[in-house]
Amino acid sequence: QVQLVESGGGLVQAGGSLRLPCAASGSIFSRNAMRWYRQAPGKQRELVAVITSSGSTNYADSVKGRFTISRDNAKNTVYLQMISLNPEETAVYYCNTISDGRIYWGQGTQVTVSS
C-alpha cells in the first residue's frame, strides 16, 4: 500500500513561484517513477512532469524551463518547483505513482495564480 500526501499549494500572484512536496509512504519509493499531474476547473487531468527511479525527468511542453521535478529518496518525497506561474495554471496538483500494477494518487493541493 502506498500513500501520497501533497502540500505546498496556495495563492500566488502571476509570475510567482511555489514548491510542492509530495510525501510518500512505503519503502518502495526509491524504485518507482513519480509523476505530477494537474487538473484545472472544467478540464481533464494532465501530466506535468515525471521523474524516474534513476532521476531522469520529462516535462509537458507548457512547463519546460519553468518547472523542475526532483526527488529525495531519503525523505520519500518528490518535489515540483514552479516559477513564472500564470493564471492559466490555476489547478489542483496531484502526485502519482504506480506500484505492483496499482495506480496511486494523492488528495491534491490547490494552486491558485492571481492575475
C-alpha atoms as a PDB file:
ATOM      1  CA  GLN A   1       0.000   0.000   0.000  1.00  0.00           C
ATOM      2  CA  VAL A   2       1.260   3.454  -0.939  1.00  0.00           C
ATOM      3  CA  GLN A   3       0.000   6.732   0.425  1.00  0.00           C
ATOM      4  CA  LEU A   4       0.797  10.068  -1.178  1.00  0.00           C
ATOM      5  CA  VAL A   5       0.322  13.401   0.556  1.00  0.00           C
ATOM      6  CA  GLU A   6       0.782  16.665  -1.330  1.00  0.00           C
ATOM      7  CA  SER A   7       1.250  20.048   0.286  1.00  0.00           C
ATOM      8  CA  GLY A   8       2.604  23.490  -0.516  1.00  0.00           C
ATOM      9  CA  GLY A   9      -0.271  24.828  -2.566  1.00  0.00           C
ATOM     10  CA  GLY A  10      -1.762  28.241  -2.090  1.00  0.00           C
ATOM     11  CA  LEU A  11      -2.445  31.609  -3.652  1.00  0.00           C
ATOM     12  CA  VAL A  12       0.336  33.240  -5.638  1.00  0.00           C
ATOM     13  CA  GLN A  13       0.469  36.212  -7.970  1.00  0.00           C
ATOM     14  CA  ALA A  14       1.207  35.791 -11.646  1.00  0.00           C
ATOM     15  CA  GLY A  15       4.928  35.467 -12.139  1.00  0.00           C
ATOM     16  CA  GLY A  16       5.363  33.974  -8.707  1.00  0.00           C
ATOM     17  CA  SER A  17       6.772  30.664  -7.533  1.00  0.00           C
ATOM     18  CA  LEU A  18       5.712  27.711  -5.446  1.00  0.00           C
ATOM     19  CA  ARG A  19       7.310  24.465  -4.372  1.00  0.00           C
ATOM     20  CA  LEU A  20       5.057  21.461  -3.918  1.00  0.00           C
ATOM     21  CA  PRO A  21       6.259  18.483  -1.884  1.00  0.00           C
ATOM     22  CA  CYS A  22       4.623  15.067  -2.099  1.00  0.00           C
ATOM     23  CA  ALA A  23       5.458  12.702   0.725  1.00  0.00           C
ATOM     24  CA  ALA A  24       5.111   9.001   0.013  1.00  0.00           C
ATOM     25  CA  SER A  25       4.779   6.130   2.428  1.00  0.00           C
ATOM     26  CA  GLY A  26       6.361   2.769   1.837  1.00  0.00           C
ATOM     27  CA  SER A  27       9.900   1.551   1.339  1.00  0.00           C
ATOM     28  CA  ILE A  28       9.389   1.079  -2.393  1.00  0.00           C
ATOM     29  CA  PHE A  29       9.520   4.814  -3.097  1.00  0.00           C
ATOM     30  CA  SER A  30      13.060   4.801  -4.448  1.00  0.00           C
ATOM     31  CA  ARG A  31      12.178   2.166  -7.049  1.00  0.00           C
ATOM     32  CA  ASN A  32       9.169   3.988  -8.501  1.00  0.00           C
ATOM     33  CA  ALA A  33       8.801   6.686 -11.062  1.00  0.00           C
ATOM     34  CA  MET A  34       6.860   9.631  -9.669  1.00  0.00           C
ATOM     35  CA  ARG A  35       4.611  11.999 -11.550  1.00  0.00           C
ATOM     36  CA  TRP A  36       2.914  15.329 -11.045  1.00  0.00           C
ATOM     37  CA  TYR A  37      -0.424  15.984 -12.709  1.00  0.00           C
ATOM     38  CA  ARG A  38      -2.762  18.951 -12.568  1.00  0.00           C
ATOM     39  CA  GLN A  39      -6.442  19.450 -13.197  1.00  0.00           C
ATOM     40  CA  ALA A  40      -7.885  22.865 -13.896  1.00  0.00           C
ATOM     41  CA  PRO A  41     -11.606  23.563 -13.448  1.00  0.00           C
ATOM     42  CA  GLY A  42     -13.585  22.035 -16.288  1.00  0.00           C
ATOM     43  CA  LYS A  43     -10.530  20.421 -17.850  1.00  0.00           C
ATOM     44  CA  GLN A  44      -9.027  16.970 -17.972  1.00  0.00           C
ATOM     45  CA  ARG A  45      -6.193  15.997 -15.696  1.00  0.00           C
ATOM     46  CA  GLU A  46      -2.894  16.491 -17.474  1.00  0.00           C
ATOM     47  CA  LEU A  47       0.595  15.165 -16.888  1.00  0.00           C
ATOM     48  CA  VAL A  48       3.016  17.896 -15.891  1.00  0.00           C
ATOM     49  CA  ALA A  49       6.277  16.151 -15.023  1.00  0.00           C
ATOM     50  CA  VAL A  50       7.816  12.746 -14.457  1.00  0.00           C
ATOM     51  CA  ILE A  51      10.923  11.614 -12.630  1.00  0.00           C
ATOM     52  CA  THR A  52      12.147   8.042 -12.905  1.00  0.00           C
ATOM     53  CA  SER A  53      13.766   5.996 -10.185  1.00  0.00           C
ATOM     54  CA  SER A  54      17.159   6.879 -11.668  1.00  0.00           C
ATOM     55  CA  GLY A  55      16.377  10.578 -11.690  1.00  0.00           C
ATOM     56  CA  SER A  56      15.610  11.114 -15.369  1.00  0.00           C
ATOM     57  CA  THR A  57      12.984  13.766 -15.916  1.00  0.00           C
ATOM     58  CA  ASN A  58      10.449  14.729 -18.538  1.00  0.00           C
ATOM     59  CA  TYR A  59       8.056  17.662 -18.750  1.00  0.00           C
ATOM     60  CA  ALA A  60       4.976  18.818 -20.552  1.00  0.00           C
ATOM     61  CA  ASP A  61       5.924  21.334 -23.220  1.00  0.00           C
ATOM     62  CA  SER A  62       3.931  24.052 -21.478  1.00  0.00           C
ATOM     63  CA  VAL A  63       6.098  23.933 -18.351  1.00  0.00           C
ATOM     64  CA  LYS A  64       9.555  23.210 -19.748  1.00  0.00           C
ATOM     65  CA  GLY A  65      12.093  25.671 -18.437  1.00  0.00           C
ATOM     66  CA  ARG A  66       9.817  26.812 -15.608  1.00  0.00           C
ATOM     67  CA  PHE A  67       9.006  23.686 -13.588  1.00  0.00           C
ATOM     68  CA  THR A  68      11.504  21.313 -12.027  1.00  0.00           C
ATOM     69  CA  ILE A  69      10.689  17.890 -10.614  1.00  0.00           C
ATOM     70  CA  SER A  70      13.106  16.349  -8.133  1.00  0.00           C
ATOM     71  CA  ARG A  71      13.145  13.624  -5.537  1.00  0.00           C
ATOM     72  CA  ASP A  72      14.757  12.941  -2.193  1.00  0.00           C
ATOM     73  CA  ASN A  73      14.715   9.196  -1.681  1.00  0.00           C
ATOM     74  CA  ALA A  74      15.976   9.517   1.884  1.00  0.00           C
ATOM     75  CA  LYS A  75      12.844  11.520   2.693  1.00  0.00           C
ATOM     76  CA  ASN A  76      10.476   9.575   0.414  1.00  0.00           C
ATOM     77  CA  THR A  77       9.495  12.904  -1.104  1.00  0.00           C
ATOM     78  CA  VAL A  78       9.109  14.232  -4.618  1.00  0.00           C
ATOM     79  CA  TYR A  79       9.027  17.954  -5.304  1.00  0.00           C
ATOM     80  CA  LEU A  80       7.658  20.202  -8.004  1.00  0.00           C
ATOM     81  CA  GLN A  81       9.333  23.594  -8.132  1.00  0.00           C
ATOM     82  CA  MET A  82       7.287  26.036 -10.195  1.00  0.00           C
ATOM     83  CA  ILE A  83       8.369  29.501 -11.304  1.00  0.00           C
ATOM     84  CA  SER A  84       6.841  32.174 -13.527  1.00  0.00           C
ATOM     85  CA  LEU A  85       3.354  30.888 -12.835  1.00  0.00           C
ATOM     86  CA  ASN A  86       0.459  32.239 -14.858  1.00  0.00           C
ATOM     87  CA  PRO A  87      -3.274  32.316 -14.069  1.00  0.00           C
ATOM     88  CA  GLU A  88      -3.997  29.517 -16.573  1.00  0.00           C
ATOM     89  CA  GLU A  89      -2.043  27.211 -14.284  1.00  0.00           C
ATOM     90  CA  THR A  90      -4.596  27.507 -11.535  1.00  0.00           C
ATOM     91  CA  ALA A  91      -5.428  23.892 -10.779  1.00  0.00           C
ATOM     92  CA  VAL A  92      -5.346  21.098  -8.270  1.00  0.00           C
ATOM     93  CA  TYR A  93      -1.932  19.474  -8.438  1.00  0.00           C
ATOM     94  CA  TYR A  94      -1.651  15.755  -7.765  1.00  0.00           C
ATOM     95  CA  CYS A  95       1.250  13.390  -7.393  1.00  0.00           C
ATOM     96  CA  ASN A  96       1.009   9.876  -8.707  1.00  0.00           C
ATOM     97  CA  THR A  97       2.876   6.627  -8.812  1.00  0.00           C
ATOM     98  CA  ILE A  98       2.342   3.074  -9.992  1.00  0.00           C
ATOM     99  CA  SER A  99       3.410   0.203  -7.786  1.00  0.00           C
ATOM    100  CA  ASP A 100       2.828  -3.512  -8.352  1.00  0.00           C
ATOM    101  CA  GLY A 101       0.351  -2.662 -11.067  1.00  0.00           C
ATOM    102  CA  ARG A 102      -1.727  -0.323  -8.938  1.00  0.00           C
ATOM    103  CA  ILE A 103      -2.112   3.392  -9.521  1.00  0.00           C
ATOM    104  CA  TYR A 104      -1.896   5.661  -6.506  1.00  0.00           C
ATOM    105  CA  TRP A 105      -2.963   9.307  -6.230  1.00  0.00           C
ATOM    106  CA  GLY A 106      -2.648  11.853  -3.516  1.00  0.00           C
ATOM    107  CA  GLN A 107      -5.553  14.046  -2.448  1.00  0.00           C
ATOM    108  CA  GLY A 108      -4.155  17.008  -4.368  1.00  0.00           C
ATOM    109  CA  THR A 109      -3.148  20.502  -3.412  1.00  0.00           C
ATOM    110  CA  GLN A 110      -4.799  23.636  -4.789  1.00  0.00           C
ATOM    111  CA  VAL A 111      -2.657  26.177  -6.605  1.00  0.00           C
ATOM    112  CA  THR A 112      -4.332  29.467  -7.450  1.00  0.00           C
ATOM    113  CA  VAL A 113      -2.497  32.029  -9.556  1.00  0.00           C
ATOM    114  CA  SER A 114      -3.990  35.506  -9.489  1.00  0.00           C
ATOM    115  CA  SER A 115      -3.596  37.972 -12.333  1.00  0.00           C
END
